[in-house]
Amino acid sequence: MKIIVPLHEQAGMHSTVSEHFGSAPFFAVADTEANSIELMPNTAMHHDHGQCTPADFFSQLGINVLLCNGIGAGAIAKLQMIGIDVYMAAQSPTLEEALLRFSKGALTKATAQHACQGHGCH
């Protein structure tokens, strides 16, 4: 399974989870089968609200799950439409904590009710 997490920084497992999916400077891709983590820049981080498009890129990577602290309703819908499950990371402070909470089944699957209303929502 491949899990993607938006991050504020590139600090390995201690990287801080971003407050908003689309404007995160970096993403971590955790591959549970290969037991690996890859950190990459978000090349689409500067965009108008509602115009972020990382979902297209994620489908090319074979992502199964997104863990995030904040995300818009349109992004949730688009990700779910292409087969990526979205979970709220319960304000996880670090990548390590978000992945641990997910592995324990402690995270809630995102719905439109969880969606941010704009970039200043956190």
N, C-alpha and C. Protein backbone atom coordinates (compact mmCIF):
# COMPACT_ATOMS: atom_id res chain seq x y z
N MET A 1 0.84 -1.17 0.00
CA MET A 1 0.00 0.00 0.00
C MET A 1 0.89 1.24 0.00
N LYS A 2 0.48 2.24 -0.79
CA LYS A 2 1.21 3.50 -0.80
C LYS A 2 0.36 4.59 -0.17
N ILE A 3 0.96 5.25 0.81
CA ILE A 3 0.28 6.29 1.58
C ILE A 3 1.02 7.61 1.36
N ILE A 4 0.28 8.67 1.07
CA ILE A 4 0.90 9.98 0.88
C ILE A 4 0.46 10.92 1.99
N VAL A 5 1.41 11.75 2.46
CA VAL A 5 1.15 12.68 3.57
C VAL A 5 1.76 14.03 3.22
N PRO A 6 0.97 15.12 3.28
CA PRO A 6 1.53 16.46 3.02
C PRO A 6 2.37 16.93 4.21
N LEU A 7 3.53 17.53 3.92
CA LEU A 7 4.48 17.92 4.97
C LEU A 7 4.91 19.38 4.84
N HIS A 8 5.33 19.95 5.99
CA HIS A 8 5.91 21.30 6.02
C HIS A 8 7.39 21.30 5.70
N GLU A 9 8.05 20.17 5.93
CA GLU A 9 9.51 20.12 5.85
C GLU A 9 9.97 18.73 5.43
N GLN A 10 11.24 18.61 5.11
CA GLN A 10 11.84 17.32 4.79
C GLN A 10 12.74 16.91 5.94
N ALA A 11 12.16 16.27 6.95
CA ALA A 11 12.92 15.83 8.12
C ALA A 11 12.65 14.37 8.42
N GLY A 12 12.49 13.58 7.38
CA GLY A 12 12.24 12.15 7.57
C GLY A 12 10.96 11.91 8.35
N MET A 13 10.98 10.92 9.21
CA MET A 13 9.79 10.55 9.99
C MET A 13 9.39 11.65 10.97
N HIS A 14 10.29 12.57 11.25
CA HIS A 14 10.00 13.68 12.18
C HIS A 14 9.46 14.91 11.46
N SER A 15 9.22 14.80 10.16
CA SER A 15 8.67 15.92 9.39
C SER A 15 7.30 16.31 9.95
N THR A 16 7.04 17.60 9.99
CA THR A 16 5.77 18.12 10.48
C THR A 16 4.70 17.97 9.40
N VAL A 17 3.54 17.43 9.78
CA VAL A 17 2.43 17.29 8.84
C VAL A 17 1.84 18.66 8.57
N SER A 18 1.62 18.96 7.31
CA SER A 18 1.07 20.26 6.91
C SER A 18 -0.39 20.39 7.34
N GLU A 19 -0.81 21.63 7.56
CA GLU A 19 -2.19 21.89 7.93
C GLU A 19 -3.13 21.78 6.74
N HIS A 20 -2.63 21.92 5.53
CA HIS A 20 -3.49 21.86 4.35
C HIS A 20 -2.83 21.08 3.24
N PHE A 21 -3.57 20.17 2.69
CA PHE A 21 -3.11 19.26 1.65
C PHE A 21 -2.47 19.95 0.45
N GLY A 22 -3.20 20.79 -0.25
CA GLY A 22 -2.75 21.32 -1.53
C GLY A 22 -1.61 22.31 -1.46
N SER A 23 -1.47 23.02 -0.34
CA SER A 23 -0.42 24.03 -0.24
C SER A 23 0.78 23.56 0.59
N ALA A 24 0.88 22.28 0.84
CA ALA A 24 2.03 21.72 1.56
C ALA A 24 3.28 21.83 0.70
N PRO A 25 4.40 22.23 1.27
CA PRO A 25 5.63 22.33 0.48
C PRO A 25 6.18 20.97 0.00
N PHE A 26 5.87 19.92 0.76
CA PHE A 26 6.42 18.59 0.45
C PHE A 26 5.36 17.52 0.66
N PHE A 27 5.61 16.35 0.08
CA PHE A 27 4.80 15.16 0.31
C PHE A 27 5.72 14.01 0.66
N ALA A 28 5.25 13.14 1.55
CA ALA A 28 5.94 11.88 1.84
C ALA A 28 5.11 10.76 1.23
N VAL A 29 5.79 9.83 0.57
CA VAL A 29 5.14 8.63 0.06
C VAL A 29 5.70 7.47 0.87
N ALA A 30 4.82 6.86 1.67
CA ALA A 30 5.21 5.70 2.47
C ALA A 30 4.71 4.45 1.76
N ASP A 31 5.61 3.55 1.44
CA ASP A 31 5.26 2.29 0.79
C ASP A 31 5.34 1.21 1.85
N THR A 32 4.18 0.69 2.28
CA THR A 32 4.16 -0.27 3.38
C THR A 32 4.72 -1.63 2.97
N GLU A 33 4.63 -1.97 1.68
CA GLU A 33 5.17 -3.25 1.21
C GLU A 33 6.69 -3.22 1.11
N ALA A 34 7.24 -2.10 0.63
CA ALA A 34 8.70 -1.97 0.50
C ALA A 34 9.33 -1.42 1.79
N ASN A 35 8.49 -1.03 2.75
CA ASN A 35 8.95 -0.43 4.00
C ASN A 35 9.89 0.74 3.73
N SER A 36 9.40 1.66 2.87
CA SER A 36 10.23 2.81 2.49
C SER A 36 9.43 4.10 2.56
N ILE A 37 10.17 5.21 2.65
CA ILE A 37 9.57 6.55 2.66
C ILE A 37 10.36 7.40 1.67
N GLU A 38 9.63 8.08 0.78
CA GLU A 38 10.24 9.00 -0.16
C GLU A 38 9.64 10.38 0.07
N LEU A 39 10.49 11.39 0.21
CA LEU A 39 10.03 12.77 0.37
C LEU A 39 10.25 13.51 -0.94
N MET A 40 9.23 14.29 -1.35
CA MET A 40 9.32 15.01 -2.62
C MET A 40 8.67 16.38 -2.50
N PRO A 41 9.14 17.34 -3.29
CA PRO A 41 8.53 18.68 -3.25
C PRO A 41 7.15 18.67 -3.92
N ASN A 42 6.28 19.55 -3.47
CA ASN A 42 4.97 19.76 -4.08
C ASN A 42 5.15 20.83 -5.15
N THR A 43 5.23 20.42 -6.38
CA THR A 43 5.47 21.37 -7.48
C THR A 43 4.25 22.22 -7.79
N ALA A 44 3.09 21.89 -7.21
CA ALA A 44 1.86 22.65 -7.45
C ALA A 44 1.39 23.38 -6.19
N MET A 45 2.31 23.69 -5.27
CA MET A 45 1.86 24.27 -3.98
C MET A 45 1.32 25.69 -4.10
N HIS A 46 1.73 26.46 -5.09
CA HIS A 46 1.23 27.82 -5.26
C HIS A 46 0.10 27.80 -6.27
N HIS A 47 -1.13 27.97 -5.77
CA HIS A 47 -2.30 27.90 -6.63
C HIS A 47 -3.44 28.68 -5.99
N ASP A 48 -4.46 28.98 -6.79
CA ASP A 48 -5.67 29.58 -6.25
C ASP A 48 -6.46 28.51 -5.52
N HIS A 49 -7.22 28.92 -4.49
CA HIS A 49 -8.01 27.95 -3.73
C HIS A 49 -8.94 27.20 -4.69
N GLY A 50 -8.98 25.88 -4.52
CA GLY A 50 -9.81 25.05 -5.37
C GLY A 50 -9.15 24.64 -6.67
N GLN A 51 -7.93 25.07 -6.90
CA GLN A 51 -7.25 24.78 -8.17
C GLN A 51 -6.05 23.85 -8.01
N CYS A 52 -5.87 23.24 -6.85
CA CYS A 52 -4.71 22.36 -6.68
C CYS A 52 -4.96 21.04 -7.41
N THR A 53 -3.93 20.50 -8.03
CA THR A 53 -4.08 19.32 -8.87
C THR A 53 -3.14 18.17 -8.54
N PRO A 54 -2.66 18.03 -7.32
CA PRO A 54 -1.76 16.90 -7.07
C PRO A 54 -2.44 15.55 -7.23
N ALA A 55 -3.76 15.51 -7.21
CA ALA A 55 -4.46 14.22 -7.34
C ALA A 55 -4.06 13.50 -8.62
N ASP A 56 -3.91 14.23 -9.72
CA ASP A 56 -3.51 13.62 -10.99
C ASP A 56 -2.13 12.96 -10.87
N PHE A 57 -1.22 13.65 -10.21
CA PHE A 57 0.13 13.14 -10.00
C PHE A 57 0.11 11.90 -9.10
N PHE A 58 -0.74 11.93 -8.07
CA PHE A 58 -0.82 10.80 -7.13
C PHE A 58 -1.26 9.52 -7.83
N SER A 59 -2.20 9.62 -8.75
CA SER A 59 -2.67 8.42 -9.44
C SER A 59 -1.54 7.78 -10.24
N GLN A 60 -0.63 8.59 -10.77
CA GLN A 60 0.52 8.06 -11.51
C GLN A 60 1.49 7.32 -10.58
N LEU A 61 1.52 7.70 -9.31
CA LEU A 61 2.42 7.07 -8.33
C LEU A 61 1.84 5.80 -7.73
N GLY A 62 0.58 5.51 -8.00
CA GLY A 62 -0.06 4.32 -7.43
C GLY A 62 -0.46 4.51 -5.97
N ILE A 63 -0.78 5.74 -5.59
CA ILE A 63 -1.16 6.03 -4.20
C ILE A 63 -2.52 5.41 -3.89
N ASN A 64 -2.63 4.80 -2.70
CA ASN A 64 -3.89 4.21 -2.24
C ASN A 64 -4.59 5.06 -1.20
N VAL A 65 -3.80 5.79 -0.37
CA VAL A 65 -4.35 6.51 0.77
C VAL A 65 -3.65 7.85 0.94
N LEU A 66 -4.43 8.88 1.29
CA LEU A 66 -3.90 10.19 1.69
C LEU A 66 -4.25 10.41 3.15
N LEU A 67 -3.26 10.79 3.95
CA LEU A 67 -3.49 11.19 5.34
C LEU A 67 -3.23 12.68 5.41
N CYS A 68 -4.18 13.47 5.92
CA CYS A 68 -3.98 14.91 5.96
C CYS A 68 -4.70 15.53 7.16
N ASN A 69 -4.23 16.71 7.54
CA ASN A 69 -4.86 17.46 8.62
C ASN A 69 -5.93 18.40 8.11
N GLY A 70 -5.86 18.79 6.84
CA GLY A 70 -6.84 19.69 6.25
C GLY A 70 -6.88 19.52 4.75
N ILE A 71 -8.10 19.60 4.17
CA ILE A 71 -8.27 19.38 2.74
C ILE A 71 -9.62 19.95 2.32
N GLY A 72 -9.72 20.44 1.11
CA GLY A 72 -10.98 20.96 0.59
C GLY A 72 -11.90 19.86 0.09
N ALA A 73 -13.19 20.17 -0.01
CA ALA A 73 -14.20 19.20 -0.45
C ALA A 73 -13.94 18.72 -1.88
N GLY A 74 -13.52 19.64 -2.75
CA GLY A 74 -13.25 19.26 -4.14
C GLY A 74 -12.11 18.27 -4.24
N ALA A 75 -11.07 18.49 -3.44
CA ALA A 75 -9.93 17.57 -3.44
C ALA A 75 -10.33 16.20 -2.90
N ILE A 76 -11.14 16.20 -1.85
CA ILE A 76 -11.62 14.92 -1.31
C ILE A 76 -12.36 14.16 -2.40
N ALA A 77 -13.29 14.84 -3.06
CA ALA A 77 -14.10 14.18 -4.09
C ALA A 77 -13.24 13.67 -5.24
N LYS A 78 -12.29 14.48 -5.70
CA LYS A 78 -11.45 14.07 -6.82
C LYS A 78 -10.58 12.87 -6.45
N LEU A 79 -9.98 12.90 -5.27
CA LEU A 79 -9.15 11.79 -4.83
C LEU A 79 -9.97 10.51 -4.71
N GLN A 80 -11.14 10.61 -4.10
CA GLN A 80 -11.99 9.43 -3.95
C GLN A 80 -12.43 8.90 -5.32
N MET A 81 -12.68 9.80 -6.26
CA MET A 81 -13.12 9.41 -7.60
C MET A 81 -12.04 8.60 -8.33
N ILE A 82 -10.77 8.88 -8.05
CA ILE A 82 -9.71 8.12 -8.71
C ILE A 82 -9.19 6.96 -7.85
N GLY A 83 -9.93 6.66 -6.77
CA GLY A 83 -9.62 5.48 -5.97
C GLY A 83 -8.66 5.68 -4.82
N ILE A 84 -8.43 6.92 -4.42
CA ILE A 84 -7.55 7.19 -3.27
C ILE A 84 -8.41 7.51 -2.05
N ASP A 85 -8.28 6.70 -1.02
CA ASP A 85 -9.02 6.94 0.23
C ASP A 85 -8.35 8.07 1.00
N VAL A 86 -9.16 8.96 1.55
CA VAL A 86 -8.65 10.12 2.29
C VAL A 86 -9.03 9.95 3.77
N TYR A 87 -8.03 10.09 4.63
CA TYR A 87 -8.25 10.00 6.08
C TYR A 87 -7.76 11.27 6.74
N MET A 88 -8.51 11.72 7.73
CA MET A 88 -8.10 12.87 8.53
C MET A 88 -7.07 12.40 9.54
N ALA A 89 -5.94 13.06 9.58
CA ALA A 89 -4.81 12.62 10.42
C ALA A 89 -4.94 13.05 11.87
N ALA A 90 -6.10 13.57 12.25
CA ALA A 90 -6.38 13.92 13.65
C ALA A 90 -5.34 14.88 14.23
N GLN A 91 -4.95 15.87 13.39
CA GLN A 91 -3.94 16.85 13.78
C GLN A 91 -2.64 16.19 14.23
N SER A 92 -2.27 15.13 13.55
CA SER A 92 -0.99 14.46 13.83
C SER A 92 0.14 15.46 13.66
N PRO A 93 1.05 15.55 14.64
CA PRO A 93 2.14 16.52 14.53
C PRO A 93 3.24 16.12 13.57
N THR A 94 3.49 14.81 13.43
CA THR A 94 4.61 14.36 12.58
C THR A 94 4.16 13.25 11.63
N LEU A 95 4.96 13.02 10.61
CA LEU A 95 4.73 11.93 9.68
C LEU A 95 4.65 10.61 10.43
N GLU A 96 5.58 10.40 11.34
CA GLU A 96 5.61 9.16 12.11
C GLU A 96 4.30 8.93 12.86
N GLU A 97 3.79 9.96 13.50
CA GLU A 97 2.55 9.86 14.27
C GLU A 97 1.35 9.60 13.36
N ALA A 98 1.28 10.28 12.21
CA ALA A 98 0.18 10.07 11.27
C ALA A 98 0.16 8.62 10.78
N LEU A 99 1.32 8.09 10.40
CA LEU A 99 1.39 6.71 9.92
C LEU A 99 1.06 5.71 11.03
N LEU A 100 1.50 5.98 12.25
CA LEU A 100 1.19 5.11 13.38
C LEU A 100 -0.31 5.09 13.66
N ARG A 101 -0.92 6.28 13.69
CA ARG A 101 -2.38 6.35 13.93
C ARG A 101 -3.15 5.61 12.83
N PHE A 102 -2.70 5.74 11.58
CA PHE A 102 -3.37 5.03 10.49
C PHE A 102 -3.22 3.52 10.66
N SER A 103 -2.02 3.06 10.97
CA SER A 103 -1.78 1.62 11.11
C SER A 103 -2.60 1.00 12.24
N LYS A 104 -2.92 1.81 13.25
CA LYS A 104 -3.73 1.34 14.38
C LYS A 104 -5.23 1.46 14.12
N GLY A 105 -5.61 2.01 12.94
CA GLY A 105 -7.02 2.18 12.62
C GLY A 105 -7.67 3.31 13.40
N ALA A 106 -6.87 4.29 13.84
CA ALA A 106 -7.38 5.36 14.70
C ALA A 106 -7.84 6.61 13.93
N LEU A 107 -7.74 6.60 12.60
CA LEU A 107 -8.09 7.79 11.82
C LEU A 107 -9.47 7.64 11.18
N THR A 108 -10.12 8.78 10.97
CA THR A 108 -11.46 8.83 10.38
C THR A 108 -11.36 9.08 8.90
N LYS A 109 -12.14 8.33 8.12
CA LYS A 109 -12.20 8.56 6.67
C LYS A 109 -12.87 9.91 6.42
N ALA A 110 -12.29 10.69 5.53
CA ALA A 110 -12.77 12.06 5.26
C ALA A 110 -14.09 12.05 4.49
N THR A 111 -14.93 13.03 4.85
CA THR A 111 -16.17 13.30 4.13
C THR A 111 -16.20 14.80 3.86
N ALA A 112 -17.20 15.27 3.14
CA ALA A 112 -17.33 16.69 2.86
C ALA A 112 -17.43 17.52 4.15
N GLN A 113 -17.92 16.92 5.22
CA GLN A 113 -18.02 17.63 6.51
C GLN A 113 -16.66 17.96 7.10
N HIS A 114 -15.63 17.22 6.71
CA HIS A 114 -14.28 17.46 7.21
C HIS A 114 -13.54 18.54 6.42
N ALA A 115 -14.12 18.96 5.31
CA ALA A 115 -13.43 19.83 4.36
C ALA A 115 -13.18 21.24 4.90
N CYS A 116 -12.05 21.79 4.48
CA CYS A 116 -11.71 23.18 4.77
C CYS A 116 -12.54 24.08 3.86
N GLN A 117 -12.75 25.29 4.31
CA GLN A 117 -13.49 26.27 3.51
C GLN A 117 -12.57 27.28 2.83
N GLY A 118 -11.28 27.19 3.08
CA GLY A 118 -10.31 28.10 2.48
C GLY A 118 -8.96 27.85 3.11
N HIS A 119 -7.91 28.48 2.57
CA HIS A 119 -6.55 28.24 3.09
C HIS A 119 -6.36 28.73 4.50
N GLY A 120 -7.18 29.64 5.01
CA GLY A 120 -7.01 30.13 6.37
C GLY A 120 -7.85 29.39 7.39
N CYS A 121 -8.26 28.17 7.08
CA CYS A 121 -9.20 27.46 7.94
C CYS A 121 -8.55 26.85 9.18
N HIS A 122 -7.23 26.82 9.28
CA HIS A 122 -6.57 26.18 10.46
C HIS A 122 -5.87 27.21 11.30
